[in-house]
Amino acid sequence: MTPSPRTDEEILTTVKEVENEAPGGAEALYMAAMLAETPLPYDFALSIEGTPHNPSLINPAAAFFAATATIDPLVNRGLIKTDVDEQLYQLHDDVRNAIRQSLSPEDAVEWASRAIYALNLILPDAEPQNWSTVEWLMPHIQACRDLVDQLDVNTAAANRVLHQAGFSLYHQQQYGKAAELLDKALSVDVALKGRQHPDICADLEGLGTVLWAGNQMERAEAAFKGCLDLQHEIFTEDNPVTAPILNSLAVIRQHLGKYDEAEATFKECLRVLTQAHGEGHPTIASCLSNMALLYEATERVDEALRLAERALEINRSVHGDAHPDVADNINTVALLQERGGNLDAAEVAFRESLDIRQRLFGEEHTETAQSYCNLALLLSSTEKTDEAAALYEKGLTVYETLLGPSHPLMESALDNYMVLLGTVGALPASDNLRRLTEERLRAMVERNG
């Protein structure tokens, strides 16, 4: 029930009564006033003086009495509304406004810091299974970001809130929003620790990874380059910690069409890794495999194949045959053999990669689906059209189930499948694939007028 209209003075007098009777309840008010207008869990209200009085950490009876002592004085005076079943509370708008307007600049910073600390206590780690909780808390996370901007609240708690929320968004493929929060988390970390700190390197690497996933390649390059420059300042010369950044930076420069810079960066990565680990380390195989794709993109297919085969040799010796990296390497070798016109060898390699992925991942996996579609594309060019169509249908079914009909991998494979159907004059075997091909054709016709 909404209370009768009250003046700010009346509200603050009531808040003062709570301060005298139940200091914990007053703290719950002040902290909530600094965040968003949406509800907060009782757990937030029970985070008093930096100590989490969380029901999960104490026995249920104590939790009940702690919540009652904190929440009831606020309810009885009409300062908050609650959902007892869901264990939620929310300030009335007039209470929020009166409290916010009563705070001095110094008090605002103090209560903002404490609110963010309490928010940090109830925010779970950035794991996909925790997304529903993070999403529900997102208005308060955005309020935390605003408090960092408006009040310069640069605390370890603020850094963690922004960092974990950013990577939670990343796991949900909301890359733009994720990058925004991670960029703000980086600024908080710099304010706390200074620029020359290893954690800043990690922040820049994480930001670069998210920007890369969101196809913001220029910004991703700048983040990785900033990370690399800082690593050179902080760490010893030729430290292998720089190798993953060099590898990522090279791949991004290739995407940007900076082929000479990409090649030089790959070579620097190989030099650092070889000096640190010798010739046969799996990290060298990763760099060689990526460099092979660069050479393929620059029409140096024979050199690309040589590097891909060396990467495969290293990973076979380290992992044996039944390993995802080995399957990936074989797939790359097959693609390069196909590109070079050696179709028989490419077919053998594609089948081997498919066999490994089936054993490792099963049939319902995107890696297996990729192998189905790669082998199907090759077979469609060697007149093995019946098998090619069957493999396409397997791969496309998995892609649609796991990725959805609009995913780039799905669209590319479906385009190739439609070419095959046009060549053989056949229709898809399944009703669902027939529907997808018809929708794809209509979209192409509409796009081309």
Protein backbone atom coordinates (compact mmCIF):
# COMPACT_ATOMS: atom_id res chain seq x y z
CA MET A 1 0.00 0.00 0.00
CA THR A 2 1.34 3.44 -0.95
CA PRO A 3 1.51 5.76 2.09
CA SER A 4 -0.24 9.14 2.18
CA PRO A 5 1.73 12.06 0.71
CA ARG A 6 4.59 13.13 3.01
CA THR A 7 7.05 15.98 2.99
CA ASP A 8 10.77 15.31 2.82
CA GLU A 9 11.05 16.56 6.40
CA GLU A 10 8.45 14.06 7.62
CA ILE A 11 10.20 11.23 5.80
CA LEU A 12 13.61 12.12 7.19
CA THR A 13 12.17 12.38 10.71
CA THR A 14 10.83 8.85 10.30
CA VAL A 15 14.20 7.66 8.98
CA LYS A 16 15.84 9.18 12.06
CA GLU A 17 13.51 7.14 14.26
CA VAL A 18 14.65 4.01 12.46
CA GLU A 19 18.30 4.97 12.94
CA ASN A 20 17.70 5.08 16.70
CA GLU A 21 15.61 1.92 16.90
CA ALA A 22 17.12 -0.31 14.19
CA PRO A 23 20.41 0.98 12.73
CA GLY A 24 20.57 -1.99 10.34
CA GLY A 25 17.24 -1.02 8.84
CA ALA A 26 18.44 2.54 8.30
CA GLU A 27 21.53 1.24 6.51
CA ALA A 28 19.33 -0.90 4.28
CA LEU A 29 17.43 2.27 3.35
CA TYR A 30 20.48 4.41 2.61
CA MET A 31 22.22 1.72 0.57
CA ALA A 32 19.12 0.93 -1.51
CA ALA A 33 18.55 4.64 -2.14
CA MET A 34 21.88 4.79 -4.00
CA LEU A 35 20.99 2.05 -6.47
CA ALA A 36 18.18 1.50 -8.97
CA GLU A 37 14.47 1.83 -8.25
CA THR A 38 13.88 -1.89 -8.77
CA PRO A 39 13.58 -4.40 -5.87
CA LEU A 40 16.53 -5.82 -3.93
CA PRO A 41 16.74 -9.12 -2.04
CA TYR A 42 16.71 -9.25 1.73
CA ASP A 43 20.30 -10.52 1.52
CA PHE A 44 21.32 -7.05 0.35
CA ALA A 45 19.63 -5.46 3.37
CA LEU A 46 21.46 -7.86 5.68
CA SER A 47 24.90 -6.70 4.49
CA ILE A 48 25.68 -4.37 7.40
CA GLU A 49 28.95 -2.59 8.15
CA GLY A 50 30.68 -4.57 5.43
CA THR A 51 29.74 -7.89 7.05
CA PRO A 52 27.52 -10.21 5.00
CA HIS A 53 24.75 -11.42 7.33
CA ASN A 54 23.63 -13.72 4.54
CA PRO A 55 21.01 -16.39 5.36
CA SER A 56 23.12 -18.88 3.39
CA LEU A 57 25.94 -18.36 5.89
CA ILE A 58 23.92 -18.65 9.10
CA ASN A 59 21.18 -20.91 10.39
CA PRO A 60 17.60 -20.38 9.15
CA ALA A 61 16.23 -19.28 12.51
CA ALA A 62 18.92 -16.61 12.87
CA ALA A 63 18.29 -15.52 9.28
CA PHE A 64 14.59 -15.07 9.99
CA PHE A 65 15.18 -12.94 13.07
CA ALA A 66 17.89 -10.89 11.32
CA ALA A 67 15.55 -10.13 8.42
CA THR A 68 12.67 -9.31 10.76
CA ALA A 69 14.79 -6.94 12.85
CA THR A 70 16.01 -5.17 9.72
CA ILE A 71 12.91 -5.08 7.52
CA ASP A 72 9.95 -4.79 9.90
CA PRO A 73 10.76 -1.27 11.21
CA LEU A 74 10.87 -0.05 7.61
CA VAL A 75 7.58 -1.72 6.68
CA ASN A 76 5.81 -0.52 9.81
CA ARG A 77 6.73 3.09 9.04
CA GLY A 78 5.75 2.89 5.37
CA LEU A 79 9.29 3.42 4.09
CA ILE A 80 9.47 0.31 1.91
CA LYS A 81 7.23 -2.20 0.19
CA THR A 82 8.05 -5.90 0.36
CA ASP A 83 7.35 -9.21 -1.26
CA VAL A 84 7.62 -11.55 1.72
CA ASP A 85 7.31 -14.73 -0.35
CA GLU A 86 10.15 -13.70 -2.67
CA GLN A 87 12.13 -12.01 0.13
CA LEU A 88 12.37 -8.68 -1.73
CA TYR A 89 12.13 -5.06 -0.64
CA GLN A 90 11.88 -1.75 -2.48
CA LEU A 91 11.90 1.88 -1.37
CA HIS A 92 8.90 4.08 -2.02
CA ASP A 93 9.80 6.77 -4.54
CA ASP A 94 9.33 9.66 -2.13
CA VAL A 95 11.62 7.96 0.40
CA ARG A 96 14.31 7.44 -2.19
CA ASN A 97 14.16 11.05 -3.32
CA ALA A 98 14.17 12.46 0.23
CA ILE A 99 17.19 10.40 1.25
CA ARG A 100 19.17 11.18 -1.89
CA GLN A 101 18.52 14.93 -1.57
CA SER A 102 19.49 14.95 2.11
CA LEU A 103 23.00 13.56 1.55
CA SER A 104 26.08 15.76 1.47
CA PRO A 105 28.58 14.99 -1.32
CA GLU A 106 30.77 13.17 1.20
CA ASP A 107 27.86 11.12 2.56
CA ALA A 108 26.73 10.27 -0.96
CA VAL A 109 30.15 8.81 -1.75
CA GLU A 110 30.14 6.88 1.54
CA TRP A 111 26.72 5.34 0.99
CA ALA A 112 27.41 4.66 -2.68
CA SER A 113 30.55 2.75 -1.70
CA ARG A 114 28.64 0.72 0.87
CA ALA A 115 25.80 0.02 -1.54
CA ILE A 116 28.22 -1.23 -4.18
CA TYR A 117 29.96 -3.37 -1.57
CA ALA A 118 26.65 -4.97 -0.61
CA LEU A 119 25.74 -5.45 -4.29
CA ASN A 120 29.07 -7.17 -4.80
CA LEU A 121 28.22 -9.63 -2.00
CA ILE A 122 25.02 -10.79 -3.70
CA LEU A 123 26.31 -10.79 -7.30
CA PRO A 124 27.34 -14.30 -8.43
CA ASP A 125 30.39 -15.08 -10.54
CA ALA A 126 30.20 -14.77 -14.32
CA GLU A 127 29.07 -18.32 -15.07
CA PRO A 128 26.34 -19.02 -17.65
CA GLN A 129 24.21 -20.84 -15.08
CA ASN A 130 24.09 -17.65 -12.98
CA TRP A 131 22.72 -15.46 -15.76
CA SER A 132 19.13 -15.25 -14.46
CA THR A 133 20.35 -13.70 -11.19
CA VAL A 134 22.74 -11.32 -12.95
CA GLU A 135 20.04 -10.26 -15.40
CA TRP A 136 17.63 -9.56 -12.53
CA LEU A 137 20.29 -7.42 -10.80
CA MET A 138 21.26 -5.59 -14.00
CA PRO A 139 19.47 -2.29 -13.14
CA HIS A 140 21.54 -2.11 -9.96
CA ILE A 141 24.71 -3.00 -11.88
CA GLN A 142 24.01 -0.12 -14.26
CA ALA A 143 23.46 2.11 -11.22
CA CYS A 144 26.88 1.00 -9.95
CA ARG A 145 28.39 2.08 -13.28
CA ASP A 146 26.67 5.46 -12.98
CA LEU A 147 27.95 5.93 -9.41
CA VAL A 148 31.49 5.27 -10.62
CA ASP A 149 31.01 8.02 -13.22
CA GLN A 150 29.15 10.53 -11.08
CA LEU A 151 30.80 10.12 -7.68
CA ASP A 152 34.17 8.64 -8.64
CA VAL A 153 33.53 5.54 -6.53
CA ASN A 154 36.59 3.53 -7.53
CA THR A 155 36.58 0.54 -5.20
CA ALA A 156 37.52 -3.11 -5.43
CA ALA A 157 33.83 -3.97 -5.06
CA ALA A 158 32.89 -1.71 -7.98
CA ASN A 159 35.59 -3.33 -10.08
CA ARG A 160 34.27 -6.82 -9.36
CA VAL A 161 30.62 -5.87 -9.99
CA LEU A 162 31.45 -4.38 -13.38
CA HIS A 163 33.91 -7.12 -14.28
CA GLN A 164 31.65 -10.07 -13.43
CA ALA A 165 28.59 -8.44 -15.00
CA GLY A 166 30.60 -7.69 -18.15
CA PHE A 167 31.66 -11.30 -18.59
CA SER A 168 28.13 -12.50 -17.78
CA LEU A 169 26.93 -10.40 -20.73
CA TYR A 170 29.78 -11.80 -22.83
CA HIS A 171 28.55 -15.35 -22.13
CA GLN A 172 25.12 -14.21 -23.37
CA GLN A 173 26.73 -12.85 -26.57
CA GLN A 174 25.75 -9.28 -25.65
CA TYR A 175 29.19 -8.06 -26.64
CA GLY A 176 28.55 -4.32 -26.89
CA LYS A 177 27.07 -4.08 -23.38
CA ALA A 178 29.80 -6.38 -22.06
CA ALA A 179 32.57 -4.20 -23.49
CA GLU A 180 31.01 -1.08 -22.00
CA LEU A 181 31.08 -2.53 -18.48
CA LEU A 182 34.55 -4.05 -18.87
CA ASP A 183 35.90 -0.74 -20.13
CA LYS A 184 34.52 0.92 -16.99
CA ALA A 185 35.96 -1.87 -14.81
CA LEU A 186 39.34 -1.21 -16.40
CA SER A 187 39.17 2.48 -15.49
CA VAL A 188 38.34 1.57 -11.89
CA ASP A 189 41.29 -0.85 -11.75
CA VAL A 190 43.67 1.80 -13.10
CA ALA A 191 42.42 4.26 -10.49
CA LEU A 192 42.99 1.68 -7.74
CA LYS A 193 46.31 0.16 -8.81
CA GLY A 194 47.91 2.50 -11.30
CA ARG A 195 48.57 1.68 -14.93
CA GLN A 196 51.71 -0.45 -14.45
CA HIS A 197 50.11 -3.44 -12.76
CA PRO A 198 49.72 -7.02 -14.04
CA ASP A 199 45.98 -6.87 -13.40
CA ILE A 200 45.69 -4.09 -15.98
CA CYS A 201 47.24 -6.43 -18.54
CA ALA A 202 44.59 -9.03 -17.70
CA ASP A 203 41.85 -6.39 -17.95
CA LEU A 204 43.04 -5.31 -21.38
CA GLU A 205 43.24 -8.91 -22.57
CA GLY A 206 39.69 -9.59 -21.39
CA LEU A 207 38.40 -6.42 -22.99
CA GLY A 208 40.16 -7.26 -26.24
CA THR A 209 38.63 -10.73 -26.26
CA VAL A 210 35.11 -9.33 -25.84
CA LEU A 211 35.64 -6.67 -28.51
CA TRP A 212 36.97 -9.34 -30.86
CA ALA A 213 33.88 -11.51 -30.26
CA GLY A 214 31.73 -8.46 -31.01
CA ASN A 215 33.62 -7.86 -34.28
CA GLN A 216 34.95 -4.50 -33.08
CA MET A 217 38.32 -5.29 -34.59
CA GLU A 218 39.96 -1.87 -34.48
CA ARG A 219 39.18 -1.49 -30.78
CA ALA A 220 40.23 -5.09 -30.13
CA GLU A 221 43.56 -4.44 -31.81
CA ALA A 222 44.09 -1.34 -29.65
CA ALA A 223 43.28 -3.30 -26.46
CA PHE A 224 45.67 -6.15 -27.28
CA LYS A 225 48.36 -3.72 -28.41
CA GLY A 226 47.96 -1.79 -25.15
CA CYS A 227 48.23 -5.06 -23.23
CA LEU A 228 51.39 -6.05 -25.12
CA ASP A 229 53.05 -2.67 -24.59
CA LEU A 230 52.29 -2.84 -20.88
CA GLN A 231 53.64 -6.39 -20.66
CA HIS A 232 56.90 -5.19 -22.21
CA GLU A 233 57.11 -2.51 -19.50
CA ILE A 234 56.31 -4.81 -16.59
CA PHE A 235 57.75 -8.23 -17.38
CA THR A 236 61.19 -9.54 -18.30
CA GLU A 237 62.36 -9.46 -21.90
CA ASP A 238 60.95 -12.24 -24.10
CA ASN A 239 58.64 -13.40 -21.32
CA PRO A 240 56.34 -16.19 -22.64
CA VAL A 241 53.37 -14.44 -21.00
CA THR A 242 53.35 -12.18 -24.07
CA ALA A 243 52.81 -15.08 -26.50
CA PRO A 244 48.99 -15.42 -26.20
CA ILE A 245 48.63 -11.67 -26.74
CA LEU A 246 50.92 -11.78 -29.77
CA ASN A 247 48.90 -14.67 -31.18
CA SER A 248 45.56 -12.87 -30.69
CA LEU A 249 46.94 -9.59 -32.01
CA ALA A 250 48.21 -11.31 -35.14
CA VAL A 251 44.83 -12.94 -35.83
CA ILE A 252 43.04 -9.61 -35.43
CA ARG A 253 45.50 -7.85 -37.73
CA GLN A 254 44.81 -10.53 -40.32
CA HIS A 255 41.06 -9.84 -40.01
CA LEU A 256 41.81 -6.16 -40.56
CA GLY A 257 43.78 -6.94 -43.72
CA LYS A 258 47.10 -5.89 -42.15
CA TYR A 259 48.83 -8.97 -43.52
CA ASP A 260 52.44 -7.82 -43.19
CA GLU A 261 51.91 -6.73 -39.58
CA ALA A 262 50.07 -9.97 -38.86
CA GLU A 263 52.91 -12.08 -40.25
CA ALA A 264 55.54 -10.15 -38.29
CA THR A 265 53.46 -10.57 -35.11
CA PHE A 266 53.06 -14.32 -35.67
CA LYS A 267 56.81 -14.66 -36.20
CA GLU A 268 57.50 -12.77 -32.98
CA CYS A 269 55.08 -15.10 -31.19
CA LEU A 270 56.91 -18.15 -32.58
CA ARG A 271 60.28 -16.71 -31.58
CA VAL A 272 59.20 -16.09 -27.99
CA LEU A 273 57.57 -19.52 -27.67
CA THR A 274 60.47 -21.40 -29.22
CA GLN A 275 62.94 -19.63 -26.95
CA ALA A 276 60.83 -20.51 -23.91
CA HIS A 277 59.67 -24.05 -24.74
CA GLY A 278 61.66 -25.48 -27.62
CA GLU A 279 60.23 -26.68 -30.94
CA GLY A 280 57.48 -29.10 -29.89
CA HIS A 281 55.19 -27.26 -27.48
CA PRO A 282 51.39 -27.19 -28.05
CA THR A 283 51.34 -23.38 -27.90
CA ILE A 284 53.67 -23.36 -30.90
CA ALA A 285 51.19 -25.61 -32.72
CA SER A 286 48.41 -23.06 -32.06
CA CYS A 287 50.49 -20.21 -33.44
CA LEU A 288 51.53 -22.26 -36.50
CA SER A 289 47.92 -23.20 -37.21
CA ASN A 290 46.79 -19.57 -37.12
CA MET A 291 49.73 -18.51 -39.24
CA ALA A 292 48.74 -21.16 -41.79
CA LEU A 293 45.36 -19.47 -42.16
CA LEU A 294 47.13 -16.16 -42.77
CA TYR A 295 49.23 -17.71 -45.54
CA GLU A 296 46.11 -19.24 -47.07
CA ALA A 297 44.45 -15.82 -47.08
CA THR A 298 47.46 -14.38 -48.90
CA GLU A 299 47.49 -17.15 -51.54
CA ARG A 300 50.56 -18.93 -50.10
CA VAL A 301 48.82 -22.30 -49.95
CA ASP A 302 51.92 -24.52 -50.04
CA GLU A 303 53.51 -22.64 -47.13
CA ALA A 304 50.20 -22.73 -45.28
CA LEU A 305 49.94 -26.50 -45.70
CA ARG A 306 53.50 -26.97 -44.44
CA LEU A 307 52.73 -25.00 -41.27
CA ALA A 308 49.41 -26.78 -40.70
CA GLU A 309 51.06 -30.19 -41.05
CA ARG A 310 53.76 -29.18 -38.56
CA ALA A 311 51.07 -28.05 -36.09
CA LEU A 312 49.32 -31.40 -36.52
CA GLU A 313 52.61 -33.26 -35.98
CA ILE A 314 53.25 -31.40 -32.71
CA ASN A 315 49.76 -31.97 -31.32
CA ARG A 316 49.71 -35.66 -32.29
CA SER A 317 52.99 -36.19 -30.47
CA VAL A 318 51.72 -34.41 -27.36
CA HIS A 319 48.05 -35.47 -27.23
CA GLY A 320 47.71 -38.57 -29.37
CA ASP A 321 44.97 -38.92 -31.97
CA ALA A 322 41.81 -38.50 -29.86
CA HIS A 323 42.07 -34.81 -28.99
CA PRO A 324 40.07 -31.75 -30.12
CA ASP A 325 43.21 -29.84 -31.20
CA VAL A 326 44.28 -32.79 -33.36
CA ALA A 327 40.83 -32.87 -35.00
CA ASP A 328 41.07 -29.11 -35.62
CA ASN A 329 44.54 -29.46 -37.16
CA ILE A 330 43.42 -32.30 -39.43
CA ASN A 331 40.46 -30.20 -40.53
CA THR A 332 42.79 -27.30 -41.41
CA VAL A 333 45.11 -29.65 -43.33
CA ALA A 334 42.10 -31.00 -45.23
CA LEU A 335 40.91 -27.51 -46.17
CA LEU A 336 44.38 -26.60 -47.46
CA GLN A 337 44.69 -29.86 -49.40
CA GLU A 338 41.32 -29.13 -50.99
CA ARG A 339 42.43 -25.59 -51.76
CA GLY A 340 45.57 -27.00 -53.43
CA GLY A 341 43.56 -29.42 -55.57
CA ASN A 342 44.52 -32.65 -53.75
CA LEU A 343 40.92 -33.79 -53.29
CA ASP A 344 41.61 -37.44 -52.46
CA ALA A 345 43.94 -36.52 -49.59
CA ALA A 346 41.48 -33.85 -48.44
CA GLU A 347 38.63 -36.38 -48.29
CA VAL A 348 40.73 -38.78 -46.20
CA ALA A 349 41.63 -35.96 -43.79
CA PHE A 350 38.05 -34.64 -43.53
CA ARG A 351 36.81 -38.15 -42.70
CA GLU A 352 39.50 -38.59 -40.04
CA SER A 353 38.60 -35.26 -38.43
CA LEU A 354 34.90 -36.20 -38.49
CA ASP A 355 35.64 -39.58 -36.90
CA ILE A 356 37.61 -38.00 -34.04
CA ARG A 357 34.93 -35.38 -33.39
CA GLN A 358 32.17 -38.00 -33.40
CA ARG A 359 34.07 -40.00 -30.77
CA LEU A 360 34.90 -36.93 -28.67
CA PHE A 361 31.70 -34.90 -28.92
CA GLY A 362 29.00 -37.18 -30.27
CA GLU A 363 26.62 -36.35 -33.09
CA GLU A 364 24.87 -33.34 -31.50
CA HIS A 365 27.78 -30.89 -31.39
CA THR A 366 28.78 -27.91 -33.52
CA GLU A 367 32.29 -29.30 -34.13
CA THR A 368 30.81 -32.51 -35.52
CA ALA A 369 28.35 -30.50 -37.58
CA GLN A 370 31.23 -28.49 -39.04
CA SER A 371 32.95 -31.71 -40.10
CA TYR A 372 29.75 -32.97 -41.71
CA CYS A 373 29.39 -29.78 -43.73
CA ASN A 374 33.07 -29.55 -44.71
CA LEU A 375 33.09 -33.14 -45.95
CA ALA A 376 29.76 -32.60 -47.70
CA LEU A 377 31.09 -29.55 -49.54
CA LEU A 378 34.09 -31.54 -50.78
CA LEU A 379 31.99 -34.54 -51.83
CA SER A 380 29.58 -32.30 -53.72
CA SER A 381 32.49 -31.31 -55.97
CA THR A 382 33.53 -34.93 -56.59
CA GLU A 383 30.08 -36.11 -57.76
CA LYS A 384 29.34 -38.02 -54.54
CA THR A 385 26.15 -36.04 -54.30
CA ASP A 386 23.94 -38.52 -52.42
CA GLU A 387 26.38 -38.80 -49.52
CA ALA A 388 27.02 -35.05 -49.64
CA ALA A 389 23.27 -34.30 -49.30
CA ALA A 390 22.93 -36.72 -46.39
CA LEU A 391 25.91 -35.17 -44.58
CA TYR A 392 24.60 -31.65 -45.15
CA GLU A 393 21.26 -32.61 -43.64
CA LYS A 394 22.96 -34.01 -40.54
CA GLY A 395 25.14 -30.95 -40.11
CA LEU A 396 22.38 -28.44 -40.79
CA THR A 397 20.03 -30.14 -38.33
CA VAL A 398 22.62 -29.82 -35.57
CA TYR A 399 23.42 -26.21 -36.49
CA GLU A 400 19.77 -25.19 -36.41
CA THR A 401 19.15 -26.96 -33.09
CA LEU A 402 22.21 -25.54 -31.32
CA LEU A 403 22.82 -22.20 -33.05
CA GLY A 404 19.53 -21.20 -34.65
CA PRO A 405 18.67 -20.60 -38.32
CA SER A 406 20.34 -17.18 -38.56
CA HIS A 407 23.79 -18.09 -37.30
CA PRO A 408 26.61 -17.38 -39.82
CA LEU A 409 27.72 -21.05 -39.81
CA MET A 410 24.16 -22.14 -40.53
CA GLU A 411 23.72 -19.60 -43.29
CA SER A 412 26.98 -20.52 -45.04
CA ALA A 413 26.31 -24.26 -44.88
CA LEU A 414 22.71 -23.77 -46.04
CA ASP A 415 23.88 -21.73 -49.05
CA ASN A 416 26.24 -24.54 -50.10
CA TYR A 417 23.49 -27.10 -49.56
CA MET A 418 21.14 -25.14 -51.80
CA VAL A 419 23.78 -25.07 -54.55
CA LEU A 420 24.03 -28.86 -54.31
CA LEU A 421 20.24 -29.24 -54.47
CA GLY A 422 20.16 -27.04 -57.56
CA THR A 423 22.84 -29.17 -59.21
CA VAL A 424 21.14 -32.50 -58.62
CA GLY A 425 17.58 -31.22 -58.96
CA ALA A 426 16.55 -32.76 -55.64
CA LEU A 427 14.50 -31.57 -52.68
CA PRO A 428 15.53 -31.77 -49.02
CA ALA A 429 14.65 -35.05 -47.37
CA SER A 430 13.20 -33.48 -44.23
CA ASP A 431 10.26 -31.10 -44.04
CA ASN A 432 12.20 -28.78 -41.73
CA LEU A 433 15.13 -28.40 -44.14
CA ARG A 434 12.70 -27.86 -47.00
CA ARG A 435 11.16 -25.01 -45.00
CA LEU A 436 14.58 -23.52 -44.23
CA THR A 437 15.72 -23.63 -47.85
CA GLU A 438 12.49 -22.03 -49.02
CA GLU A 439 12.85 -19.24 -46.43
CA ARG A 440 16.46 -18.72 -47.44
CA LEU A 441 15.51 -18.48 -51.11
CA ARG A 442 12.75 -15.96 -50.36
CA ALA A 443 15.19 -13.85 -48.32
CA MET A 444 17.70 -13.87 -51.17
CA VAL A 445 15.04 -12.86 -53.70
CA GLU A 446 13.81 -10.02 -51.47
CA ARG A 447 17.36 -8.80 -50.82
CA ASN A 448 18.15 -8.72 -54.52
CA GLY A 449 14.89 -7.02 -55.45
